[in-house]
Amino acid sequence: MKAFAYFFHHYALSAVLLIGIAVAVYFVYKNWDKIVIKGSGRK
């Protein structure tokens, strides 16, 4: 049972990390034009 809790703990952490990365990538992809325009200073 201890091994299961250890595995579940790490699996949950990795799952949260992957979800966070996916959300960040989606957010950047959706707002890429605004980010690039603001970063380069062009209209």
PDB file of N, CA and C in Angstrom:
ATOM      1  N   MET A   1       0.835  -1.201   0.000  1.00  0.00           N
ATOM      2  CA  MET A   1       0.000   0.000   0.000  1.00  0.00           C
ATOM      3  C   MET A   1       0.873   1.255   0.000  1.00  0.00           C
ATOM      4  N   LYS A   2       2.013   1.167   0.658  1.00  0.00           N
ATOM      5  CA  LYS A   2       2.902   2.327   0.703  1.00  0.00           C
ATOM      6  C   LYS A   2       3.444   2.631  -0.694  1.00  0.00           C
ATOM      7  N   ALA A   3       3.787   1.559  -1.427  1.00  0.00           N
ATOM      8  CA  ALA A   3       4.291   1.742  -2.789  1.00  0.00           C
ATOM      9  C   ALA A   3       3.208   2.343  -3.680  1.00  0.00           C
ATOM     10  N   PHE A   4       1.972   1.921  -3.483  1.00  0.00           N
ATOM     11  CA  PHE A   4       0.864   2.451  -4.281  1.00  0.00           C
ATOM     12  C   PHE A   4       0.679   3.947  -4.013  1.00  0.00           C
ATOM     13  N   ALA A   5       0.752   4.336  -2.738  1.00  0.00           N
ATOM     14  CA  ALA A   5       0.605   5.750  -2.390  1.00  0.00           C
ATOM     15  C   ALA A   5       1.750   6.554  -2.997  1.00  0.00           C
ATOM     16  N   TYR A   6       2.961   5.996  -2.958  1.00  0.00           N
ATOM     17  CA  TYR A   6       4.130   6.667  -3.534  1.00  0.00           C
ATOM     18  C   TYR A   6       3.946   6.845  -5.036  1.00  0.00           C
ATOM     19  N   PHE A   7       3.507   5.785  -5.719  1.00  0.00           N
ATOM     20  CA  PHE A   7       3.287   5.836  -7.166  1.00  0.00           C
ATOM     21  C   PHE A   7       2.182   6.829  -7.506  1.00  0.00           C
ATOM     22  N   PHE A   8       1.088   6.788  -6.750  1.00  0.00           N
ATOM     23  CA  PHE A   8      -0.039   7.689  -7.001  1.00  0.00           C
ATOM     24  C   PHE A   8       0.377   9.142  -6.798  1.00  0.00           C
ATOM     25  N   HIS A   9       1.187   9.385  -5.754  1.00  0.00           N
ATOM     26  CA  HIS A   9       1.636  10.743  -5.464  1.00  0.00           C
ATOM     27  C   HIS A   9       2.430  11.300  -6.639  1.00  0.00           C
ATOM     28  N   HIS A  10       3.385  10.528  -7.148  1.00  0.00           N
ATOM     29  CA  HIS A  10       4.222  10.997  -8.257  1.00  0.00           C
ATOM     30  C   HIS A  10       3.419  11.079  -9.553  1.00  0.00           C
ATOM     31  N   TYR A  11       2.501  10.128  -9.748  1.00  0.00           N
ATOM     32  CA  TYR A  11       1.684  10.153 -10.959  1.00  0.00           C
ATOM     33  C   TYR A  11       0.785  11.385 -10.967  1.00  0.00           C
ATOM     34  N   ALA A  12       0.232  11.732  -9.798  1.00  0.00           N
ATOM     35  CA  ALA A  12      -0.634  12.911  -9.707  1.00  0.00           C
ATOM     36  C   ALA A  12       0.180  14.173  -9.970  1.00  0.00           C
ATOM     37  N   LEU A  13       1.387  14.242  -9.412  1.00  0.00           N
ATOM     38  CA  LEU A  13       2.234  15.415  -9.620  1.00  0.00           C
ATOM     39  C   LEU A  13       2.576  15.562 -11.095  1.00  0.00           C
ATOM     40  N   SER A  14       2.949  14.461 -11.751  1.00  0.00           N
ATOM     41  CA  SER A  14       3.306  14.521 -13.167  1.00  0.00           C
ATOM     42  C   SER A  14       2.084  14.878 -14.009  1.00  0.00           C
ATOM     43  N   ALA A  15       0.914  14.372 -13.624  1.00  0.00           N
ATOM     44  CA  ALA A  15      -0.310  14.681 -14.371  1.00  0.00           C
ATOM     45  C   ALA A  15      -0.633  16.168 -14.252  1.00  0.00           C
ATOM     46  N   VAL A  16      -0.522  16.719 -13.052  1.00  0.00           N
ATOM     47  CA  VAL A  16      -0.774  18.150 -12.852  1.00  0.00           C
ATOM     48  C   VAL A  16       0.232  18.968 -13.652  1.00  0.00           C
ATOM     49  N   LEU A  17       1.495  18.520 -13.663  1.00  0.00           N
ATOM     50  CA  LEU A  17       2.534  19.232 -14.404  1.00  0.00           C
ATOM     51  C   LEU A  17       2.219  19.228 -15.893  1.00  0.00           C
ATOM     52  N   LEU A  18       1.826  18.061 -16.429  1.00  0.00           N
ATOM     53  CA  LEU A  18       1.495  17.966 -17.853  1.00  0.00           C
ATOM     54  C   LEU A  18       0.291  18.839 -18.187  1.00  0.00           C
ATOM     55  N   ILE A  19      -0.719  18.837 -17.325  1.00  0.00           N
ATOM     56  CA  ILE A  19      -1.902  19.668 -17.571  1.00  0.00           C
ATOM     57  C   ILE A  19      -1.518  21.149 -17.549  1.00  0.00           C
ATOM     58  N   GLY A  20      -0.671  21.521 -16.613  1.00  0.00           N
ATOM     59  CA  GLY A  20      -0.229  22.918 -16.535  1.00  0.00           C
ATOM     60  C   GLY A  20       0.525  23.336 -17.785  1.00  0.00           C
ATOM     61  N   ILE A  21       1.405  22.452 -18.283  1.00  0.00           N
ATOM     62  CA  ILE A  21       2.151  22.743 -19.505  1.00  0.00           C
ATOM     63  C   ILE A  21       1.196  22.862 -20.687  1.00  0.00           C
ATOM     64  N   ALA A  22       0.229  21.947 -20.765  1.00  0.00           N
ATOM     65  CA  ALA A  22      -0.728  21.971 -21.879  1.00  0.00           C
ATOM     66  C   ALA A  22      -1.532  23.269 -21.861  1.00  0.00           C
ATOM     67  N   VAL A  23      -1.972  23.696 -20.678  1.00  0.00           N
ATOM     68  CA  VAL A  23      -2.735  24.942 -20.568  1.00  0.00           C
ATOM     69  C   VAL A  23      -1.865  26.136 -20.957  1.00  0.00           C
ATOM     70  N   ALA A  24      -0.603  26.129 -20.521  1.00  0.00           N
ATOM     71  CA  ALA A  24       0.300  27.231 -20.854  1.00  0.00           C
ATOM     72  C   ALA A  24       0.545  27.299 -22.357  1.00  0.00           C
ATOM     73  N   VAL A  25       0.771  26.132 -22.976  1.00  0.00           N
ATOM     74  CA  VAL A  25       0.996  26.089 -24.425  1.00  0.00           C
ATOM     75  C   VAL A  25      -0.246  26.578 -25.165  1.00  0.00           C
ATOM     76  N   TYR A  26      -1.422  26.147 -24.735  1.00  0.00           N
ATOM     77  CA  TYR A  26      -2.672  26.569 -25.374  1.00  0.00           C
ATOM     78  C   TYR A  26      -2.872  28.078 -25.220  1.00  0.00           C
ATOM     79  N   PHE A  27      -2.565  28.609 -24.031  1.00  0.00           N
ATOM     80  CA  PHE A  27      -2.729  30.041 -23.791  1.00  0.00           C
ATOM     81  C   PHE A  27      -1.786  30.843 -24.677  1.00  0.00           C
ATOM     82  N   VAL A  28      -0.522  30.407 -24.770  1.00  0.00           N
ATOM     83  CA  VAL A  28       0.456  31.103 -25.614  1.00  0.00           C
ATOM     84  C   VAL A  28       0.048  31.006 -27.078  1.00  0.00           C
ATOM     85  N   TYR A  29      -0.409  29.829 -27.513  1.00  0.00           N
ATOM     86  CA  TYR A  29      -0.818  29.639 -28.910  1.00  0.00           C
ATOM     87  C   TYR A  29      -2.020  30.517 -29.254  1.00  0.00           C
ATOM     88  N   LYS A  30      -2.952  30.643 -28.313  1.00  0.00           N
ATOM     89  CA  LYS A  30      -4.161  31.426 -28.566  1.00  0.00           C
ATOM     90  C   LYS A  30      -3.859  32.921 -28.592  1.00  0.00           C
ATOM     91  N   ASN A  31      -2.876  33.353 -27.796  1.00  0.00           N
ATOM     92  CA  ASN A  31      -2.548  34.778 -27.712  1.00  0.00           C
ATOM     93  C   ASN A  31      -1.186  35.086 -28.332  1.00  0.00           C
ATOM     94  N   TRP A  32      -0.731  34.233 -29.282  1.00  0.00           N
ATOM     95  CA  TRP A  32       0.605  34.383 -29.855  1.00  0.00           C
ATOM     96  C   TRP A  32       0.739  35.718 -30.565  1.00  0.00           C
ATOM     97  N   ASP A  33      -0.283  36.109 -31.359  1.00  0.00           N
ATOM     98  CA  ASP A  33      -0.211  37.363 -32.107  1.00  0.00           C
ATOM     99  C   ASP A  33      -0.051  38.556 -31.165  1.00  0.00           C
ATOM    100  N   LYS A  34      -0.831  38.589 -30.092  1.00  0.00           N
ATOM    101  CA  LYS A  34      -0.749  39.698 -29.143  1.00  0.00           C
ATOM    102  C   LYS A  34       0.619  39.732 -28.468  1.00  0.00           C
ATOM    103  N   ILE A  35       1.137  38.551 -28.097  1.00  0.00           N
ATOM    104  CA  ILE A  35       2.432  38.474 -27.412  1.00  0.00           C
ATOM    105  C   ILE A  35       3.546  38.927 -28.351  1.00  0.00           C
ATOM    106  N   VAL A  36       3.515  38.456 -29.601  1.00  0.00           N
ATOM    107  CA  VAL A  36       4.566  38.808 -30.563  1.00  0.00           C
ATOM    108  C   VAL A  36       4.512  40.300 -30.875  1.00  0.00           C
ATOM    109  N   ILE A  37       3.303  40.818 -31.074  1.00  0.00           N
ATOM    110  CA  ILE A  37       3.160  42.241 -31.396  1.00  0.00           C
ATOM    111  C   ILE A  37       3.657  43.099 -30.231  1.00  0.00           C
ATOM    112  N   LYS A  38       3.278  42.722 -29.027  1.00  0.00           N
ATOM    113  CA  LYS A  38       3.694  43.489 -27.852  1.00  0.00           C
ATOM    114  C   LYS A  38       5.204  43.371 -27.639  1.00  0.00           C
ATOM    115  N   GLY A  39       5.767  42.194 -27.919  1.00  0.00           N
ATOM    116  CA  GLY A  39       7.196  41.980 -27.698  1.00  0.00           C
ATOM    117  C   GLY A  39       8.050  42.687 -28.736  1.00  0.00           C
ATOM    118  N   SER A  40       7.606  42.711 -30.006  1.00  0.00           N
ATOM    119  CA  SER A  40       8.408  43.311 -31.064  1.00  0.00           C
ATOM    120  C   SER A  40       8.178  44.816 -31.150  1.00  0.00           C
ATOM    121  N   GLY A  41       7.040  45.298 -30.655  1.00  0.00           N
ATOM    122  CA  GLY A  41       6.751  46.720 -30.694  1.00  0.00           C
ATOM    123  C   GLY A  41       6.117  47.154 -31.998  1.00  0.00           C
ATOM    124  N   ARG A  42       5.841  46.209 -32.902  1.00  0.00           N
ATOM    125  CA  ARG A  42       5.183  46.554 -34.171  1.00  0.00           C
ATOM    126  C   ARG A  42       3.665  46.550 -34.005  1.00  0.00           C
ATOM    127  N   LYS A  43       2.976  47.265 -34.878  1.00  0.00           N
ATOM    128  CA  LYS A  43       1.510  47.300 -34.810  1.00  0.00           C
ATOM    129  C   LYS A  43       0.929  46.166 -35.646  1.00  0.00           C
TER     130      LYS A  43
END
